[in-house]
Amino acid sequence: MLSNTAEIESVSFATTIHVRDTCLCLHVQRAARALARRFDNALKPIGLNNGQFSLMMSLNRPQPATMSSVVQLLAMDRTTLTAALKVLERRGLVASTVDPQDRRGRLLKLTDDGMALLSVAVPIWKRVHAEVDAGLGDDGPDQLRSLLGAIR
């Protein structure tokens, strides 16, 4: 925090323009928001958003998932995951049980209704994803995934 006696140096508008034009964080955030809106709009008719779709896909596995494995896969904190899960649990799409290996932990799985909704959502995701990929050109999607992976 700045002290009251510290001289405040102004930041030039040229610096603002420079940050706007070069900040990787800003550019990735803007792209992420645009992609999120695109998938949100496509999934809205079936009552899902892109985050819920990703969460449900992360639970589509042969054995129930631990909270930790989902947190790691989605790069999300536990509090955010818990809040997102509550919505899906209330809708009967996800079930949560005590982990018999660690009574403090929870195991997560899709319910039959969750699997049914996911089976409707996947073709929507495939269509929109193909549209996005096509807009990026032949090698664009793979290059973008590679570059984003390098940042992580």
N, C-alpha and C. Protein backbone atom coordinates (compact mmCIF):
# COMPACT_ATOMS: atom_id res chain seq x y z
N MET A 1 0.84 -1.18 0.00
CA MET A 1 0.00 0.00 0.00
C MET A 1 0.89 1.24 0.00
N LEU A 2 0.44 2.23 -0.73
CA LEU A 2 1.20 3.48 -0.78
C LEU A 2 0.94 4.29 0.48
N SER A 3 1.99 4.93 0.95
CA SER A 3 1.80 5.81 2.10
C SER A 3 1.20 7.12 1.60
N ASN A 4 0.59 7.83 2.50
CA ASN A 4 -0.03 9.11 2.14
C ASN A 4 0.99 10.13 1.68
N THR A 5 2.22 9.97 2.14
CA THR A 5 3.24 10.96 1.80
C THR A 5 3.99 10.59 0.52
N ALA A 6 3.76 9.38 0.01
CA ALA A 6 4.48 8.97 -1.20
C ALA A 6 4.01 9.81 -2.38
N GLU A 7 4.97 10.18 -3.20
CA GLU A 7 4.62 10.93 -4.40
C GLU A 7 4.02 9.96 -5.40
N ILE A 8 2.88 10.30 -5.93
CA ILE A 8 2.20 9.44 -6.89
C ILE A 8 2.67 9.80 -8.29
N GLU A 9 3.23 8.81 -8.94
CA GLU A 9 3.71 9.01 -10.30
C GLU A 9 2.60 8.57 -11.25
N SER A 10 2.27 9.42 -12.19
CA SER A 10 1.21 9.06 -13.12
C SER A 10 1.73 8.07 -14.15
N VAL A 11 0.84 7.24 -14.63
CA VAL A 11 1.16 6.29 -15.68
C VAL A 11 0.64 6.88 -16.98
N SER A 12 1.50 6.95 -17.96
CA SER A 12 1.12 7.59 -19.22
C SER A 12 0.08 6.77 -19.97
N PHE A 13 -0.68 7.46 -20.80
CA PHE A 13 -1.66 6.78 -21.64
C PHE A 13 -0.95 5.86 -22.63
N ALA A 14 0.24 6.23 -23.04
CA ALA A 14 1.03 5.37 -23.94
C ALA A 14 1.31 4.02 -23.27
N THR A 15 1.54 4.03 -21.97
CA THR A 15 1.75 2.78 -21.24
C THR A 15 0.47 1.96 -21.23
N THR A 16 -0.64 2.62 -21.05
CA THR A 16 -1.94 1.93 -21.09
C THR A 16 -2.14 1.25 -22.44
N ILE A 17 -1.84 1.95 -23.50
CA ILE A 17 -1.98 1.39 -24.85
C ILE A 17 -1.01 0.21 -25.03
N HIS A 18 0.21 0.38 -24.54
CA HIS A 18 1.20 -0.70 -24.63
C HIS A 18 0.71 -1.96 -23.92
N VAL A 19 0.19 -1.80 -22.71
CA VAL A 19 -0.33 -2.95 -21.96
C VAL A 19 -1.51 -3.57 -22.71
N ARG A 20 -2.42 -2.74 -23.18
CA ARG A 20 -3.57 -3.22 -23.94
C ARG A 20 -3.15 -4.07 -25.14
N ASP A 21 -2.11 -3.63 -25.83
CA ASP A 21 -1.70 -4.29 -27.06
C ASP A 21 -0.77 -5.48 -26.86
N THR A 22 -0.11 -5.57 -25.70
CA THR A 22 0.91 -6.61 -25.54
C THR A 22 0.69 -7.57 -24.37
N CYS A 23 -0.19 -7.26 -23.47
CA CYS A 23 -0.36 -8.08 -22.26
C CYS A 23 -0.95 -9.45 -22.61
N LEU A 24 -0.14 -10.48 -22.44
CA LEU A 24 -0.60 -11.85 -22.73
C LEU A 24 -1.79 -12.24 -21.85
N CYS A 25 -1.74 -11.86 -20.60
CA CYS A 25 -2.84 -12.19 -19.68
C CYS A 25 -4.16 -11.60 -20.19
N LEU A 26 -4.13 -10.34 -20.58
CA LEU A 26 -5.33 -9.68 -21.09
C LEU A 26 -5.83 -10.38 -22.35
N HIS A 27 -4.93 -10.69 -23.28
CA HIS A 27 -5.33 -11.32 -24.54
C HIS A 27 -5.91 -12.72 -24.31
N VAL A 28 -5.30 -13.48 -23.40
CA VAL A 28 -5.83 -14.81 -23.10
C VAL A 28 -7.18 -14.70 -22.40
N GLN A 29 -7.33 -13.76 -21.48
CA GLN A 29 -8.61 -13.55 -20.79
C GLN A 29 -9.71 -13.20 -21.79
N ARG A 30 -9.40 -12.30 -22.71
CA ARG A 30 -10.41 -11.89 -23.69
C ARG A 30 -10.81 -13.06 -24.58
N ALA A 31 -9.81 -13.84 -25.02
CA ALA A 31 -10.11 -15.01 -25.85
C ALA A 31 -10.92 -16.04 -25.06
N ALA A 32 -10.54 -16.25 -23.80
CA ALA A 32 -11.26 -17.21 -22.97
C ALA A 32 -12.72 -16.79 -22.77
N ARG A 33 -12.94 -15.50 -22.55
CA ARG A 33 -14.31 -15.02 -22.38
C ARG A 33 -15.12 -15.20 -23.66
N ALA A 34 -14.50 -14.92 -24.80
CA ALA A 34 -15.21 -15.08 -26.08
C ALA A 34 -15.55 -16.55 -26.33
N LEU A 35 -14.60 -17.44 -26.06
CA LEU A 35 -14.87 -18.88 -26.21
C LEU A 35 -15.94 -19.33 -25.25
N ALA A 36 -15.85 -18.88 -24.01
CA ALA A 36 -16.84 -19.26 -23.00
C ALA A 36 -18.24 -18.83 -23.42
N ARG A 37 -18.37 -17.60 -23.92
CA ARG A 37 -19.68 -17.12 -24.38
C ARG A 37 -20.21 -17.98 -25.52
N ARG A 38 -19.32 -18.34 -26.43
CA ARG A 38 -19.74 -19.15 -27.59
C ARG A 38 -20.29 -20.50 -27.14
N PHE A 39 -19.57 -21.17 -26.24
CA PHE A 39 -20.03 -22.46 -25.74
C PHE A 39 -21.23 -22.30 -24.82
N ASP A 40 -21.25 -21.25 -24.00
CA ASP A 40 -22.42 -20.99 -23.14
C ASP A 40 -23.69 -20.84 -23.99
N ASN A 41 -23.60 -20.06 -25.06
CA ASN A 41 -24.77 -19.86 -25.93
C ASN A 41 -25.22 -21.16 -26.56
N ALA A 42 -24.29 -21.99 -26.98
CA ALA A 42 -24.63 -23.25 -27.63
C ALA A 42 -25.25 -24.24 -26.64
N LEU A 43 -24.77 -24.25 -25.41
CA LEU A 43 -25.24 -25.21 -24.41
C LEU A 43 -26.48 -24.73 -23.64
N LYS A 44 -26.79 -23.45 -23.76
CA LYS A 44 -27.91 -22.88 -23.00
C LYS A 44 -29.24 -23.61 -23.22
N PRO A 45 -29.57 -24.03 -24.45
CA PRO A 45 -30.86 -24.71 -24.64
C PRO A 45 -31.02 -26.01 -23.83
N ILE A 46 -29.91 -26.61 -23.42
CA ILE A 46 -30.03 -27.83 -22.60
C ILE A 46 -29.73 -27.54 -21.13
N GLY A 47 -29.62 -26.27 -20.78
CA GLY A 47 -29.50 -25.88 -19.39
C GLY A 47 -28.10 -26.02 -18.79
N LEU A 48 -27.08 -25.97 -19.63
CA LEU A 48 -25.70 -26.05 -19.14
C LEU A 48 -24.92 -24.83 -19.59
N ASN A 49 -23.83 -24.56 -18.89
CA ASN A 49 -22.86 -23.59 -19.38
C ASN A 49 -21.55 -24.32 -19.62
N ASN A 50 -20.57 -23.65 -20.17
CA ASN A 50 -19.30 -24.31 -20.52
C ASN A 50 -18.59 -24.87 -19.31
N GLY A 51 -18.65 -24.19 -18.20
CA GLY A 51 -17.99 -24.67 -16.98
C GLY A 51 -18.63 -25.94 -16.46
N GLN A 52 -19.96 -26.00 -16.50
CA GLN A 52 -20.67 -27.19 -16.06
C GLN A 52 -20.37 -28.37 -16.99
N PHE A 53 -20.32 -28.08 -18.29
CA PHE A 53 -19.97 -29.12 -19.26
C PHE A 53 -18.58 -29.68 -18.96
N SER A 54 -17.61 -28.80 -18.76
CA SER A 54 -16.24 -29.24 -18.46
C SER A 54 -16.19 -30.06 -17.18
N LEU A 55 -16.90 -29.61 -16.17
CA LEU A 55 -16.94 -30.34 -14.91
C LEU A 55 -17.56 -31.72 -15.09
N MET A 56 -18.67 -31.77 -15.80
CA MET A 56 -19.31 -33.06 -16.04
C MET A 56 -18.40 -33.98 -16.86
N MET A 57 -17.71 -33.43 -17.85
CA MET A 57 -16.78 -34.25 -18.64
C MET A 57 -15.65 -34.78 -17.75
N SER A 58 -15.21 -33.98 -16.80
CA SER A 58 -14.14 -34.43 -15.91
C SER A 58 -14.59 -35.58 -15.02
N LEU A 59 -15.88 -35.74 -14.85
CA LEU A 59 -16.43 -36.82 -14.03
C LEU A 59 -16.82 -38.04 -14.86
N ASN A 60 -16.72 -37.93 -16.16
CA ASN A 60 -17.06 -39.03 -17.06
C ASN A 60 -15.88 -39.99 -17.14
N ARG A 61 -15.81 -40.88 -16.18
CA ARG A 61 -14.70 -41.83 -16.07
C ARG A 61 -15.22 -43.12 -15.45
N PRO A 62 -14.46 -44.19 -15.62
CA PRO A 62 -14.94 -45.50 -15.14
C PRO A 62 -15.15 -45.58 -13.63
N GLN A 63 -14.31 -44.87 -12.88
CA GLN A 63 -14.41 -44.88 -11.42
C GLN A 63 -14.71 -43.47 -10.92
N PRO A 64 -15.39 -43.35 -9.78
CA PRO A 64 -15.64 -42.01 -9.24
C PRO A 64 -14.35 -41.23 -9.06
N ALA A 65 -14.45 -39.93 -9.24
CA ALA A 65 -13.29 -39.04 -9.16
C ALA A 65 -13.15 -38.47 -7.75
N THR A 66 -11.92 -38.24 -7.36
CA THR A 66 -11.68 -37.52 -6.10
C THR A 66 -11.76 -36.02 -6.38
N MET A 67 -12.04 -35.28 -5.36
CA MET A 67 -12.05 -33.82 -5.49
C MET A 67 -10.68 -33.34 -5.99
N SER A 68 -9.62 -33.90 -5.45
CA SER A 68 -8.27 -33.47 -5.83
C SER A 68 -8.00 -33.67 -7.31
N SER A 69 -8.44 -34.81 -7.85
CA SER A 69 -8.17 -35.07 -9.26
C SER A 69 -8.93 -34.08 -10.16
N VAL A 70 -10.12 -33.72 -9.75
CA VAL A 70 -10.92 -32.77 -10.54
C VAL A 70 -10.33 -31.36 -10.41
N VAL A 71 -9.94 -30.99 -9.20
CA VAL A 71 -9.29 -29.69 -8.97
C VAL A 71 -8.06 -29.56 -9.87
N GLN A 72 -7.26 -30.61 -9.91
CA GLN A 72 -6.04 -30.57 -10.72
C GLN A 72 -6.36 -30.49 -12.21
N LEU A 73 -7.29 -31.32 -12.68
CA LEU A 73 -7.62 -31.34 -14.09
C LEU A 73 -8.17 -30.00 -14.57
N LEU A 74 -9.05 -29.41 -13.79
CA LEU A 74 -9.71 -28.17 -14.20
C LEU A 74 -8.96 -26.90 -13.75
N ALA A 75 -7.85 -27.07 -13.05
CA ALA A 75 -7.07 -25.93 -12.55
C ALA A 75 -7.97 -24.96 -11.79
N MET A 76 -8.70 -25.51 -10.84
CA MET A 76 -9.72 -24.78 -10.10
C MET A 76 -9.46 -24.99 -8.62
N ASP A 77 -9.78 -24.02 -7.78
CA ASP A 77 -9.60 -24.23 -6.35
C ASP A 77 -10.79 -25.01 -5.79
N ARG A 78 -10.60 -25.61 -4.63
CA ARG A 78 -11.62 -26.49 -4.02
C ARG A 78 -12.92 -25.74 -3.74
N THR A 79 -12.82 -24.50 -3.30
CA THR A 79 -14.01 -23.73 -2.98
C THR A 79 -14.87 -23.51 -4.22
N THR A 80 -14.22 -23.15 -5.33
CA THR A 80 -14.95 -22.95 -6.58
C THR A 80 -15.56 -24.26 -7.06
N LEU A 81 -14.80 -25.35 -6.96
CA LEU A 81 -15.32 -26.65 -7.36
C LEU A 81 -16.52 -27.03 -6.51
N THR A 82 -16.44 -26.84 -5.22
CA THR A 82 -17.55 -27.18 -4.32
C THR A 82 -18.81 -26.42 -4.70
N ALA A 83 -18.67 -25.14 -4.99
CA ALA A 83 -19.83 -24.32 -5.38
C ALA A 83 -20.42 -24.82 -6.70
N ALA A 84 -19.56 -25.15 -7.66
CA ALA A 84 -20.05 -25.64 -8.96
C ALA A 84 -20.72 -27.00 -8.81
N LEU A 85 -20.18 -27.83 -7.96
CA LEU A 85 -20.77 -29.16 -7.74
C LEU A 85 -22.16 -29.07 -7.11
N LYS A 86 -22.33 -28.14 -6.18
CA LYS A 86 -23.62 -27.99 -5.50
C LYS A 86 -24.75 -27.77 -6.50
N VAL A 87 -24.48 -26.95 -7.50
CA VAL A 87 -25.50 -26.67 -8.52
C VAL A 87 -25.86 -27.95 -9.27
N LEU A 88 -24.85 -28.71 -9.66
CA LEU A 88 -25.10 -29.95 -10.42
C LEU A 88 -25.71 -31.03 -9.53
N GLU A 89 -25.34 -31.05 -8.26
CA GLU A 89 -25.94 -32.03 -7.34
C GLU A 89 -27.42 -31.71 -7.11
N ARG A 90 -27.76 -30.44 -6.94
CA ARG A 90 -29.17 -30.05 -6.76
C ARG A 90 -30.01 -30.45 -7.96
N ARG A 91 -29.41 -30.41 -9.14
CA ARG A 91 -30.13 -30.79 -10.36
C ARG A 91 -30.16 -32.30 -10.57
N GLY A 92 -29.49 -33.05 -9.69
CA GLY A 92 -29.48 -34.50 -9.79
C GLY A 92 -28.56 -35.02 -10.88
N LEU A 93 -27.58 -34.23 -11.29
CA LEU A 93 -26.67 -34.61 -12.36
C LEU A 93 -25.37 -35.23 -11.85
N VAL A 94 -25.03 -34.92 -10.61
CA VAL A 94 -23.79 -35.40 -9.98
C VAL A 94 -24.12 -35.92 -8.59
N ALA A 95 -23.46 -37.01 -8.21
CA ALA A 95 -23.60 -37.55 -6.86
C ALA A 95 -22.25 -37.50 -6.17
N SER A 96 -22.28 -37.22 -4.89
CA SER A 96 -21.08 -37.12 -4.07
C SER A 96 -21.21 -38.09 -2.90
N THR A 97 -20.20 -38.91 -2.67
CA THR A 97 -20.21 -39.85 -1.56
C THR A 97 -18.90 -39.75 -0.78
N VAL A 98 -18.91 -40.26 0.42
CA VAL A 98 -17.70 -40.28 1.24
C VAL A 98 -16.71 -41.27 0.63
N ASP A 99 -15.44 -40.87 0.58
CA ASP A 99 -14.38 -41.74 0.08
C ASP A 99 -14.05 -42.78 1.15
N PRO A 100 -14.27 -44.07 0.86
CA PRO A 100 -13.99 -45.09 1.88
C PRO A 100 -12.49 -45.19 2.22
N GLN A 101 -11.61 -44.73 1.32
CA GLN A 101 -10.17 -44.74 1.57
C GLN A 101 -9.74 -43.59 2.48
N ASP A 102 -10.49 -42.50 2.42
CA ASP A 102 -10.17 -41.31 3.21
C ASP A 102 -11.49 -40.65 3.57
N ARG A 103 -11.99 -40.89 4.74
CA ARG A 103 -13.33 -40.44 5.16
C ARG A 103 -13.48 -38.92 5.08
N ARG A 104 -12.38 -38.20 5.02
CA ARG A 104 -12.47 -36.73 4.89
C ARG A 104 -12.75 -36.32 3.45
N GLY A 105 -12.48 -37.21 2.51
CA GLY A 105 -12.62 -36.89 1.09
C GLY A 105 -13.97 -37.29 0.52
N ARG A 106 -14.23 -36.78 -0.66
CA ARG A 106 -15.48 -37.08 -1.36
C ARG A 106 -15.15 -37.70 -2.71
N LEU A 107 -16.01 -38.63 -3.13
CA LEU A 107 -15.92 -39.20 -4.47
C LEU A 107 -17.08 -38.66 -5.29
N LEU A 108 -16.80 -38.32 -6.52
CA LEU A 108 -17.79 -37.65 -7.38
C LEU A 108 -18.05 -38.50 -8.61
N LYS A 109 -19.33 -38.58 -8.98
CA LYS A 109 -19.66 -39.29 -10.20
C LYS A 109 -20.93 -38.71 -10.80
N LEU A 110 -21.06 -38.92 -12.10
CA LEU A 110 -22.28 -38.51 -12.78
C LEU A 110 -23.40 -39.48 -12.44
N THR A 111 -24.58 -38.96 -12.29
CA THR A 111 -25.76 -39.81 -12.12
C THR A 111 -26.23 -40.26 -13.50
N ASP A 112 -27.23 -41.10 -13.54
CA ASP A 112 -27.80 -41.50 -14.83
C ASP A 112 -28.33 -40.28 -15.59
N ASP A 113 -28.98 -39.37 -14.85
CA ASP A 113 -29.47 -38.14 -15.49
C ASP A 113 -28.31 -37.29 -16.00
N GLY A 114 -27.22 -37.27 -15.25
CA GLY A 114 -26.03 -36.53 -15.68
C GLY A 114 -25.44 -37.13 -16.94
N MET A 115 -25.37 -38.45 -17.00
CA MET A 115 -24.86 -39.12 -18.20
C MET A 115 -25.76 -38.85 -19.40
N ALA A 116 -27.07 -38.87 -19.17
CA ALA A 116 -28.02 -38.61 -20.26
C ALA A 116 -27.85 -37.19 -20.79
N LEU A 117 -27.71 -36.22 -19.90
CA LEU A 117 -27.53 -34.83 -20.33
C LEU A 117 -26.19 -34.65 -21.04
N LEU A 118 -25.16 -35.31 -20.53
CA LEU A 118 -23.85 -35.22 -21.17
C LEU A 118 -23.90 -35.79 -22.58
N SER A 119 -24.68 -36.84 -22.78
CA SER A 119 -24.78 -37.43 -24.12
C SER A 119 -25.47 -36.49 -25.10
N VAL A 120 -26.31 -35.60 -24.60
CA VAL A 120 -26.94 -34.58 -25.44
C VAL A 120 -25.97 -33.42 -25.67
N ALA A 121 -25.16 -33.12 -24.66
CA ALA A 121 -24.24 -31.98 -24.73
C ALA A 121 -23.05 -32.23 -25.65
N VAL A 122 -22.55 -33.44 -25.69
CA VAL A 122 -21.33 -33.72 -26.46
C VAL A 122 -21.47 -33.38 -27.94
N PRO A 123 -22.56 -33.75 -28.62
CA PRO A 123 -22.67 -33.35 -30.03
C PRO A 123 -22.68 -31.83 -30.22
N ILE A 124 -23.26 -31.10 -29.28
CA ILE A 124 -23.24 -29.64 -29.34
C ILE A 124 -21.81 -29.15 -29.21
N TRP A 125 -21.08 -29.68 -28.24
CA TRP A 125 -19.68 -29.31 -28.04
C TRP A 125 -18.86 -29.62 -29.29
N LYS A 126 -19.07 -30.82 -29.87
CA LYS A 126 -18.31 -31.20 -31.07
C LYS A 126 -18.56 -30.23 -32.22
N ARG A 127 -19.80 -29.82 -32.40
CA ARG A 127 -20.14 -28.89 -33.48
C ARG A 127 -19.45 -27.54 -33.27
N VAL A 128 -19.59 -26.99 -32.09
CA VAL A 128 -19.01 -25.67 -31.82
C VAL A 128 -17.49 -25.76 -31.85
N HIS A 129 -16.94 -26.82 -31.30
CA HIS A 129 -15.49 -26.98 -31.30
C HIS A 129 -14.95 -27.07 -32.72
N ALA A 130 -15.65 -27.78 -33.60
CA ALA A 130 -15.23 -27.89 -35.00
C ALA A 130 -15.27 -26.52 -35.68
N GLU A 131 -16.27 -25.71 -35.34
CA GLU A 131 -16.35 -24.36 -35.90
C GLU A 131 -15.16 -23.51 -35.44
N VAL A 132 -14.83 -23.60 -34.17
CA VAL A 132 -13.70 -22.84 -33.63
C VAL A 132 -12.40 -23.32 -34.29
N ASP A 133 -12.22 -24.63 -34.35
CA ASP A 133 -11.01 -25.19 -34.98
C ASP A 133 -10.89 -24.71 -36.43
N ALA A 134 -11.99 -24.75 -37.17
CA ALA A 134 -11.96 -24.33 -38.58
C ALA A 134 -11.53 -22.87 -38.70
N GLY A 135 -11.95 -22.05 -37.78
CA GLY A 135 -11.58 -20.63 -37.81
C GLY A 135 -10.11 -20.39 -37.51
N LEU A 136 -9.44 -21.39 -36.95
CA LEU A 136 -8.02 -21.24 -36.61
C LEU A 136 -7.09 -21.79 -37.68
N GLY A 137 -7.65 -22.39 -38.72
CA GLY A 137 -6.81 -22.92 -39.80
C GLY A 137 -6.30 -24.32 -39.51
N ASP A 138 -5.54 -24.84 -40.46
CA ASP A 138 -5.10 -26.24 -40.39
C ASP A 138 -4.32 -26.59 -39.13
N ASP A 139 -3.25 -25.87 -38.85
CA ASP A 139 -2.41 -26.19 -37.70
C ASP A 139 -2.71 -25.32 -36.49
N GLY A 140 -3.61 -24.37 -36.64
CA GLY A 140 -3.90 -23.41 -35.58
C GLY A 140 -4.30 -24.02 -34.25
N PRO A 141 -5.27 -24.95 -34.23
CA PRO A 141 -5.68 -25.51 -32.94
C PRO A 141 -4.54 -26.20 -32.19
N ASP A 142 -3.76 -27.00 -32.90
CA ASP A 142 -2.64 -27.69 -32.24
C ASP A 142 -1.58 -26.71 -31.77
N GLN A 143 -1.29 -25.70 -32.59
CA GLN A 143 -0.31 -24.69 -32.18
C GLN A 143 -0.80 -23.92 -30.95
N LEU A 144 -2.08 -23.57 -30.95
CA LEU A 144 -2.61 -22.84 -29.81
C LEU A 144 -2.56 -23.68 -28.53
N ARG A 145 -2.97 -24.93 -28.61
CA ARG A 145 -2.89 -25.80 -27.44
C ARG A 145 -1.45 -25.92 -26.94
N SER A 146 -0.52 -26.04 -27.87
CA SER A 146 0.90 -26.16 -27.50
C SER A 146 1.38 -24.90 -26.81
N LEU A 147 1.06 -23.74 -27.35
CA LEU A 147 1.47 -22.47 -26.74
C LEU A 147 0.84 -22.28 -25.38
N LEU A 148 -0.43 -22.60 -25.24
CA LEU A 148 -1.09 -22.46 -23.95
C LEU A 148 -0.50 -23.43 -22.93
N GLY A 149 -0.15 -24.64 -23.39
CA GLY A 149 0.50 -25.60 -22.51
C GLY A 149 1.84 -25.10 -22.02
N ALA A 150 2.57 -24.38 -22.86
CA ALA A 150 3.87 -23.83 -22.47
C ALA A 150 3.70 -22.79 -21.37
N ILE A 151 2.61 -22.06 -21.38
CA ILE A 151 2.36 -21.05 -20.34
C ILE A 151 2.05 -21.72 -19.01
N ARG A 152 1.26 -22.80 -19.07
CA ARG A 152 0.91 -23.50 -17.84
C ARG A 152 2.14 -24.03 -17.17
